[in-house]
Amino acid sequence: MGGKKEHLTRSPIKTEPIYVLKEFKKNIGGTPDSVRKNYVYYSTFSNSEKDEGNAKYLKVIPVRIYNDVGCYWWLTNRSEDLYDMNALDQSAMINFLHRIGNEKGEFINAYGKGYRLDGTRHPHSWSIVDAIECINWIKKCLK
């Protein structure tokens, strides 16, 4: 089975993962293989951990994750698939929160809403969030 490392080497957009990994190594003290405990410590969610990592501390906190899971766009424009996306871990974290009793954990699949200001399609655009609806949700959570 292929892993993340394989996917990074075949992606036409290599600068972001290279930059992020370099920053992680510098600020977390090494690679995930060399200082795994540091990565688990700083991660919100660790699917590979027995207790799912730090997400357990969100048991009573309203959590919303927005993602435009535009798989076709990523395959066509970046040669990336779901293993390259954070939607797998994001949905797993919300599922974990539900399992531990957090009924206010939501994964908002904003499929097809990712567009940049110039009108070009891009799933990682802030347009995936309905601003007014999100503000109303925040106000409701603060009451």
C-alpha atoms as a PDB file:
ATOM      1  CA  MET A   1       0.000   0.000   0.000  1.00  0.00           C
ATOM      2  CA  GLY A   2       1.164   3.498  -0.780  1.00  0.00           C
ATOM      3  CA  GLY A   3       1.620   6.052   1.939  1.00  0.00           C
ATOM      4  CA  LYS A   4       1.646   9.817   2.227  1.00  0.00           C
ATOM      5  CA  LYS A   5       5.341  10.030   1.293  1.00  0.00           C
ATOM      6  CA  GLU A   6       4.606   8.424  -2.076  1.00  0.00           C
ATOM      7  CA  HIS A   7       1.792  10.878  -2.774  1.00  0.00           C
ATOM      8  CA  LEU A   8       3.950  13.909  -1.956  1.00  0.00           C
ATOM      9  CA  THR A   9       6.566  12.926  -4.475  1.00  0.00           C
ATOM     10  CA  ARG A  10       4.086  12.638  -7.340  1.00  0.00           C
ATOM     11  CA  SER A  11       2.116  15.816  -6.626  1.00  0.00           C
ATOM     12  CA  PRO A  12       2.730  18.643  -9.108  1.00  0.00           C
ATOM     13  CA  ILE A  13       2.360  21.165  -6.280  1.00  0.00           C
ATOM     14  CA  LYS A  14       5.285  20.239  -4.048  1.00  0.00           C
ATOM     15  CA  THR A  15       6.161  23.534  -2.394  1.00  0.00           C
ATOM     16  CA  GLU A  16       3.457  23.554   0.306  1.00  0.00           C
ATOM     17  CA  PRO A  17       4.129  20.078   1.730  1.00  0.00           C
ATOM     18  CA  ILE A  18       7.878  20.664   1.613  1.00  0.00           C
ATOM     19  CA  TYR A  19       7.508  24.010   3.410  1.00  0.00           C
ATOM     20  CA  VAL A  20       5.141  22.599   6.055  1.00  0.00           C
ATOM     21  CA  LEU A  21       7.350  19.586   6.767  1.00  0.00           C
ATOM     22  CA  LYS A  22      10.398  21.867   7.083  1.00  0.00           C
ATOM     23  CA  GLU A  23       8.519  24.103   9.563  1.00  0.00           C
ATOM     24  CA  PHE A  24       7.288  21.085  11.525  1.00  0.00           C
ATOM     25  CA  LYS A  25      10.824  19.684  11.771  1.00  0.00           C
ATOM     26  CA  LYS A  26      12.120  23.049  12.973  1.00  0.00           C
ATOM     27  CA  ASN A  27       9.340  23.836  15.450  1.00  0.00           C
ATOM     28  CA  ILE A  28       8.425  20.367  16.715  1.00  0.00           C
ATOM     29  CA  GLY A  29      11.968  19.065  16.930  1.00  0.00           C
ATOM     30  CA  GLY A  30      12.215  16.554  14.112  1.00  0.00           C
ATOM     31  CA  THR A  31      10.187  14.284  11.898  1.00  0.00           C
ATOM     32  CA  PRO A  32       7.078  12.360  12.954  1.00  0.00           C
ATOM     33  CA  ASP A  33       9.206   9.209  13.006  1.00  0.00           C
ATOM     34  CA  SER A  34      11.934  10.704  15.203  1.00  0.00           C
ATOM     35  CA  VAL A  35       9.768  12.630  17.717  1.00  0.00           C
ATOM     36  CA  ARG A  36       6.355  11.015  17.434  1.00  0.00           C
ATOM     37  CA  LYS A  37       5.332  11.986  20.967  1.00  0.00           C
ATOM     38  CA  ASN A  38       5.792  15.680  20.104  1.00  0.00           C
ATOM     39  CA  TYR A  39       3.517  15.396  17.071  1.00  0.00           C
ATOM     40  CA  VAL A  40       0.858  13.620  19.133  1.00  0.00           C
ATOM     41  CA  TYR A  41       1.193  16.283  21.848  1.00  0.00           C
ATOM     42  CA  TYR A  42       0.621  19.167  19.406  1.00  0.00           C
ATOM     43  CA  SER A  43      -2.071  17.480  17.307  1.00  0.00           C
ATOM     44  CA  THR A  44      -5.749  18.079  17.895  1.00  0.00           C
ATOM     45  CA  PHE A  45      -6.585  14.577  16.751  1.00  0.00           C
ATOM     46  CA  SER A  46      -4.461  11.466  16.409  1.00  0.00           C
ATOM     47  CA  ASN A  47      -6.417   8.630  14.826  1.00  0.00           C
ATOM     48  CA  SER A  48      -3.556   6.208  15.429  1.00  0.00           C
ATOM     49  CA  GLU A  49      -3.557   6.839  19.190  1.00  0.00           C
ATOM     50  CA  LYS A  50      -5.516   4.515  21.477  1.00  0.00           C
ATOM     51  CA  ASP A  51      -7.421   7.461  22.980  1.00  0.00           C
ATOM     52  CA  GLU A  52      -7.499   9.531  19.731  1.00  0.00           C
ATOM     53  CA  GLY A  53      -5.114  12.102  21.245  1.00  0.00           C
ATOM     54  CA  ASN A  54      -6.172  15.576  22.353  1.00  0.00           C
ATOM     55  CA  ALA A  55      -9.632  15.547  20.764  1.00  0.00           C
ATOM     56  CA  LYS A  56     -10.957  14.028  23.986  1.00  0.00           C
ATOM     57  CA  TYR A  57     -10.631  17.484  25.565  1.00  0.00           C
ATOM     58  CA  LEU A  58     -13.289  18.749  23.131  1.00  0.00           C
ATOM     59  CA  LYS A  59     -15.980  16.486  24.575  1.00  0.00           C
ATOM     60  CA  VAL A  60     -18.248  19.383  25.585  1.00  0.00           C
ATOM     61  CA  ILE A  61     -16.998  22.020  23.127  1.00  0.00           C
ATOM     62  CA  PRO A  62     -19.038  22.815  19.993  1.00  0.00           C
ATOM     63  CA  VAL A  63     -16.794  22.021  17.023  1.00  0.00           C
ATOM     64  CA  ARG A  64     -17.404  22.646  13.361  1.00  0.00           C
ATOM     65  CA  ILE A  65     -15.133  21.561  10.549  1.00  0.00           C
ATOM     66  CA  TYR A  66     -15.789  22.838   7.049  1.00  0.00           C
ATOM     67  CA  ASN A  67     -14.379  21.045   4.034  1.00  0.00           C
ATOM     68  CA  ASP A  68     -15.154  21.144   0.329  1.00  0.00           C
ATOM     69  CA  VAL A  69     -14.314  17.536  -0.422  1.00  0.00           C
ATOM     70  CA  GLY A  70     -13.971  18.198  -4.137  1.00  0.00           C
ATOM     71  CA  CYS A  71     -12.192  14.933  -4.915  1.00  0.00           C
ATOM     72  CA  TYR A  72     -12.604  15.270  -8.672  1.00  0.00           C
ATOM     73  CA  TRP A  73     -11.048  18.758  -8.577  1.00  0.00           C
ATOM     74  CA  TRP A  74      -8.049  17.517  -6.584  1.00  0.00           C
ATOM     75  CA  LEU A  75      -7.556  14.505  -8.862  1.00  0.00           C
ATOM     76  CA  THR A  76      -7.817  16.618 -12.010  1.00  0.00           C
ATOM     77  CA  ASN A  77      -5.930  19.737 -10.924  1.00  0.00           C
ATOM     78  CA  ARG A  78      -3.373  18.466  -8.413  1.00  0.00           C
ATOM     79  CA  SER A  79      -3.091  14.705  -9.004  1.00  0.00           C
ATOM     80  CA  GLU A  80      -4.053  14.249  -5.371  1.00  0.00           C
ATOM     81  CA  ASP A  81      -6.598  11.868  -3.868  1.00  0.00           C
ATOM     82  CA  LEU A  82      -8.383  11.500  -0.544  1.00  0.00           C
ATOM     83  CA  TYR A  83      -5.192  10.213   1.123  1.00  0.00           C
ATOM     84  CA  ASP A  84      -3.645  13.614   0.400  1.00  0.00           C
ATOM     85  CA  MET A  85      -6.560  15.519   1.934  1.00  0.00           C
ATOM     86  CA  ASN A  86      -7.348  16.298   5.543  1.00  0.00           C
ATOM     87  CA  ALA A  87     -11.033  15.368   5.123  1.00  0.00           C
ATOM     88  CA  LEU A  88     -10.337  11.790   6.254  1.00  0.00           C
ATOM     89  CA  ASP A  89      -8.897  12.886   9.596  1.00  0.00           C
ATOM     90  CA  GLN A  90     -11.428  15.676  10.001  1.00  0.00           C
ATOM     91  CA  SER A  91     -14.407  13.372   9.561  1.00  0.00           C
ATOM     92  CA  ALA A  92     -12.767  10.768  11.831  1.00  0.00           C
ATOM     93  CA  MET A  93     -12.352  13.394  14.549  1.00  0.00           C
ATOM     94  CA  ILE A  94     -16.020  14.405  14.362  1.00  0.00           C
ATOM     95  CA  ASN A  95     -16.978  10.731  14.452  1.00  0.00           C
ATOM     96  CA  PHE A  96     -14.804  10.286  17.554  1.00  0.00           C
ATOM     97  CA  LEU A  97     -16.427  13.317  19.212  1.00  0.00           C
ATOM     98  CA  HIS A  98     -19.860  11.814  18.557  1.00  0.00           C
ATOM     99  CA  ARG A  99     -18.740   8.508  20.076  1.00  0.00           C
ATOM    100  CA  ILE A 100     -17.643  10.232  23.299  1.00  0.00           C
ATOM    101  CA  GLY A 101     -20.901  12.168  23.564  1.00  0.00           C
ATOM    102  CA  ASN A 102     -20.226  15.488  21.848  1.00  0.00           C
ATOM    103  CA  GLU A 103     -23.487  16.134  20.029  1.00  0.00           C
ATOM    104  CA  LYS A 104     -22.205  19.540  18.915  1.00  0.00           C
ATOM    105  CA  GLY A 105     -19.452  18.203  16.683  1.00  0.00           C
ATOM    106  CA  GLU A 106     -20.203  18.820  13.003  1.00  0.00           C
ATOM    107  CA  PHE A 107     -18.473  18.082   9.727  1.00  0.00           C
ATOM    108  CA  ILE A 108     -19.855  20.538   7.189  1.00  0.00           C
ATOM    109  CA  ASN A 109     -19.382  19.124   3.714  1.00  0.00           C
ATOM    110  CA  ALA A 110     -19.352  22.326   1.711  1.00  0.00           C
ATOM    111  CA  TYR A 111     -18.961  20.435  -1.538  1.00  0.00           C
ATOM    112  CA  GLY A 112     -18.910  22.714  -4.566  1.00  0.00           C
ATOM    113  CA  LYS A 113     -18.686  25.957  -2.580  1.00  0.00           C
ATOM    114  CA  GLY A 114     -14.933  26.512  -2.925  1.00  0.00           C
ATOM    115  CA  TYR A 115     -14.365  29.463  -5.258  1.00  0.00           C
ATOM    116  CA  ARG A 116     -11.756  32.191  -5.141  1.00  0.00           C
ATOM    117  CA  LEU A 117     -12.680  35.857  -5.418  1.00  0.00           C
ATOM    118  CA  ASP A 118     -11.861  35.837  -9.134  1.00  0.00           C
ATOM    119  CA  GLY A 119     -14.422  33.049  -9.646  1.00  0.00           C
ATOM    120  CA  THR A 120     -12.018  30.155 -10.193  1.00  0.00           C
ATOM    121  CA  ARG A 121     -12.847  26.858  -8.520  1.00  0.00           C
ATOM    122  CA  HIS A 122     -10.621  25.955  -5.585  1.00  0.00           C
ATOM    123  CA  PRO A 123     -11.849  23.765  -2.690  1.00  0.00           C
ATOM    124  CA  HIS A 124      -9.426  25.417  -0.215  1.00  0.00           C
ATOM    125  CA  SER A 125     -11.125  28.803  -0.477  1.00  0.00           C
ATOM    126  CA  TRP A 126     -12.769  30.570   2.451  1.00  0.00           C
ATOM    127  CA  SER A 127     -15.977  30.694   0.436  1.00  0.00           C
ATOM    128  CA  ILE A 128     -16.802  27.219   1.732  1.00  0.00           C
ATOM    129  CA  VAL A 129     -18.109  28.838   4.922  1.00  0.00           C
ATOM    130  CA  ASP A 130     -21.472  30.595   4.842  1.00  0.00           C
ATOM    131  CA  ALA A 131     -20.348  33.552   6.974  1.00  0.00           C
ATOM    132  CA  ILE A 132     -23.771  34.646   8.220  1.00  0.00           C
ATOM    133  CA  GLU A 133     -24.835  31.112   9.106  1.00  0.00           C
ATOM    134  CA  CYS A 134     -21.498  30.507  10.876  1.00  0.00           C
ATOM    135  CA  ILE A 135     -21.790  33.720  12.908  1.00  0.00           C
ATOM    136  CA  ASN A 136     -25.318  32.742  13.931  1.00  0.00           C
ATOM    137  CA  TRP A 137     -24.023  29.310  14.987  1.00  0.00           C
ATOM    138  CA  ILE A 138     -21.255  30.941  17.072  1.00  0.00           C
ATOM    139  CA  LYS A 139     -23.776  33.280  18.737  1.00  0.00           C
ATOM    140  CA  LYS A 140     -26.017  30.310  19.545  1.00  0.00           C
ATOM    141  CA  CYS A 141     -23.064  28.418  21.055  1.00  0.00           C
ATOM    142  CA  LEU A 142     -22.106  31.406  23.230  1.00  0.00           C
ATOM    143  CA  LYS A 143     -25.569  31.655  24.817  1.00  0.00           C
END
